[in-house]
Amino acid sequence: MTEVAIAAAVGARQSTINRIANGHMKPNWELGQALVALAKATEIPPANDGQDLPNAA
């Protein structure tokens, strides 16, 4: 997601998201919770590396 999309989703400004991403600012509790919720909602499961597939040989 872009910083603009993240900002829109959590009700913040893009510049705030940029400052947080670059370590220049820590989010307040409400914004932090919104960012965690967004991360959970948009989480992509890891790709299957084939380790759980039966052996074809």
N, C-alpha and C. Protein backbone atom coordinates (compact mmCIF):
# COMPACT_ATOMS: atom_id res chain seq x y z
N MET A 1 0.84 -1.19 0.00
CA MET A 1 0.00 0.00 0.00
C MET A 1 0.88 1.25 0.00
N THR A 2 0.37 2.26 -0.62
CA THR A 2 1.10 3.52 -0.62
C THR A 2 0.85 4.26 0.69
N GLU A 3 1.69 5.23 0.98
CA GLU A 3 1.49 6.05 2.17
C GLU A 3 0.16 6.78 2.10
N VAL A 4 -0.22 7.21 0.91
CA VAL A 4 -1.50 7.92 0.74
C VAL A 4 -2.66 6.98 1.08
N ALA A 5 -2.60 5.74 0.60
CA ALA A 5 -3.66 4.77 0.86
C ALA A 5 -3.73 4.41 2.34
N ILE A 6 -2.57 4.24 2.96
CA ILE A 6 -2.53 3.94 4.39
C ILE A 6 -3.13 5.10 5.18
N ALA A 7 -2.72 6.31 4.84
CA ALA A 7 -3.22 7.49 5.54
C ALA A 7 -4.74 7.60 5.42
N ALA A 8 -5.25 7.38 4.23
CA ALA A 8 -6.70 7.45 4.03
C ALA A 8 -7.42 6.39 4.84
N ALA A 9 -6.85 5.21 4.90
CA ALA A 9 -7.49 4.09 5.61
C ALA A 9 -7.53 4.29 7.12
N VAL A 10 -6.54 4.99 7.66
CA VAL A 10 -6.47 5.16 9.12
C VAL A 10 -6.84 6.57 9.58
N GLY A 11 -7.20 7.44 8.66
CA GLY A 11 -7.62 8.79 9.04
C GLY A 11 -6.48 9.70 9.44
N ALA A 12 -5.36 9.58 8.74
CA ALA A 12 -4.21 10.42 9.04
C ALA A 12 -3.73 11.10 7.76
N ARG A 13 -2.75 11.94 7.89
CA ARG A 13 -2.15 12.58 6.72
C ARG A 13 -1.00 11.72 6.20
N GLN A 14 -0.73 11.83 4.92
CA GLN A 14 0.38 11.09 4.32
C GLN A 14 1.69 11.48 4.96
N SER A 15 1.87 12.74 5.29
CA SER A 15 3.12 13.19 5.91
C SER A 15 3.34 12.53 7.27
N THR A 16 2.25 12.29 8.00
CA THR A 16 2.35 11.62 9.30
C THR A 16 2.81 10.18 9.10
N ILE A 17 2.23 9.49 8.13
CA ILE A 17 2.62 8.11 7.84
C ILE A 17 4.08 8.06 7.42
N ASN A 18 4.52 9.03 6.63
CA ASN A 18 5.92 9.09 6.20
C ASN A 18 6.85 9.29 7.38
N ARG A 19 6.51 10.17 8.29
CA ARG A 19 7.35 10.41 9.48
C ARG A 19 7.45 9.16 10.34
N ILE A 20 6.34 8.45 10.50
CA ILE A 20 6.35 7.21 11.27
C ILE A 20 7.21 6.16 10.58
N ALA A 21 7.02 6.01 9.27
CA ALA A 21 7.77 5.01 8.51
C ALA A 21 9.27 5.26 8.55
N ASN A 22 9.65 6.52 8.60
CA ASN A 22 11.07 6.87 8.61
C ASN A 22 11.65 7.01 10.01
N GLY A 23 10.86 6.71 11.03
CA GLY A 23 11.36 6.74 12.40
C GLY A 23 11.49 8.11 13.01
N HIS A 24 10.85 9.12 12.41
CA HIS A 24 10.95 10.48 12.93
C HIS A 24 9.82 10.82 13.89
N MET A 25 8.87 9.88 14.03
CA MET A 25 7.70 10.14 14.86
C MET A 25 7.13 8.80 15.32
N LYS A 26 6.56 8.81 16.51
CA LYS A 26 5.84 7.63 17.00
C LYS A 26 4.35 7.96 16.96
N PRO A 27 3.53 7.00 16.51
CA PRO A 27 2.09 7.28 16.46
C PRO A 27 1.48 7.33 17.85
N ASN A 28 0.41 8.11 18.00
CA ASN A 28 -0.32 8.07 19.26
C ASN A 28 -1.05 6.73 19.34
N TRP A 29 -1.65 6.46 20.50
CA TRP A 29 -2.30 5.16 20.73
C TRP A 29 -3.37 4.87 19.67
N GLU A 30 -4.24 5.83 19.40
CA GLU A 30 -5.33 5.61 18.46
C GLU A 30 -4.83 5.31 17.05
N LEU A 31 -3.86 6.07 16.59
CA LEU A 31 -3.31 5.84 15.26
C LEU A 31 -2.56 4.52 15.22
N GLY A 32 -1.83 4.21 16.26
CA GLY A 32 -1.13 2.93 16.33
C GLY A 32 -2.08 1.77 16.24
N GLN A 33 -3.20 1.84 16.96
CA GLN A 33 -4.20 0.78 16.92
C GLN A 33 -4.82 0.67 15.52
N ALA A 34 -5.06 1.81 14.89
CA ALA A 34 -5.61 1.80 13.53
C ALA A 34 -4.63 1.18 12.54
N LEU A 35 -3.34 1.46 12.71
CA LEU A 35 -2.33 0.88 11.83
C LEU A 35 -2.22 -0.63 12.03
N VAL A 36 -2.29 -1.08 13.27
CA VAL A 36 -2.25 -2.52 13.55
C VAL A 36 -3.47 -3.21 12.94
N ALA A 37 -4.64 -2.62 13.11
CA ALA A 37 -5.86 -3.20 12.55
C ALA A 37 -5.79 -3.27 11.03
N LEU A 38 -5.25 -2.22 10.41
CA LEU A 38 -5.10 -2.21 8.95
C LEU A 38 -4.14 -3.30 8.51
N ALA A 39 -3.04 -3.45 9.22
CA ALA A 39 -2.06 -4.48 8.87
C ALA A 39 -2.68 -5.87 8.96
N LYS A 40 -3.46 -6.11 10.01
CA LYS A 40 -4.12 -7.41 10.16
C LYS A 40 -5.15 -7.64 9.06
N ALA A 41 -5.89 -6.60 8.71
CA ALA A 41 -6.94 -6.73 7.70
C ALA A 41 -6.39 -6.94 6.30
N THR A 42 -5.17 -6.48 6.05
CA THR A 42 -4.60 -6.58 4.71
C THR A 42 -3.46 -7.58 4.64
N GLU A 43 -3.32 -8.39 5.69
CA GLU A 43 -2.23 -9.36 5.74
C GLU A 43 -2.36 -10.38 4.61
N ILE A 44 -1.26 -10.63 3.94
CA ILE A 44 -1.21 -11.61 2.86
C ILE A 44 -0.48 -12.83 3.39
N PRO A 45 -1.11 -14.01 3.30
CA PRO A 45 -0.44 -15.20 3.80
C PRO A 45 0.83 -15.50 3.00
N PRO A 46 1.82 -16.13 3.62
CA PRO A 46 3.05 -16.44 2.90
C PRO A 46 2.78 -17.41 1.76
N ALA A 47 3.59 -17.32 0.73
CA ALA A 47 3.45 -18.20 -0.42
C ALA A 47 3.80 -19.62 -0.02
N ASN A 48 3.16 -20.57 -0.66
CA ASN A 48 3.44 -21.98 -0.41
C ASN A 48 4.79 -22.30 -1.01
N ASP A 49 5.71 -22.78 -0.17
CA ASP A 49 7.05 -23.09 -0.66
C ASP A 49 7.17 -24.55 -1.08
N GLY A 50 6.05 -25.28 -1.08
CA GLY A 50 6.07 -26.67 -1.52
C GLY A 50 6.41 -27.65 -0.43
N GLN A 51 6.75 -27.20 0.76
CA GLN A 51 7.17 -28.09 1.82
C GLN A 51 6.02 -28.94 2.36
N ASP A 52 4.78 -28.48 2.20
CA ASP A 52 3.66 -29.25 2.72
C ASP A 52 2.98 -30.11 1.65
N LEU A 53 3.59 -30.18 0.46
CA LEU A 53 3.04 -31.00 -0.61
C LEU A 53 3.61 -32.42 -0.51
N PRO A 54 2.81 -33.41 -0.89
CA PRO A 54 3.34 -34.79 -0.86
C PRO A 54 4.47 -34.95 -1.86
N ASN A 55 5.38 -35.84 -1.54
CA ASN A 55 6.53 -36.09 -2.40
C ASN A 55 6.06 -36.78 -3.68
N ALA A 56 6.40 -36.21 -4.82
CA ALA A 56 5.94 -36.74 -6.12
C ALA A 56 6.74 -37.96 -6.55
N ALA A 57 7.85 -38.23 -5.93
CA ALA A 57 8.70 -39.34 -6.39
C ALA A 57 8.24 -40.69 -5.92
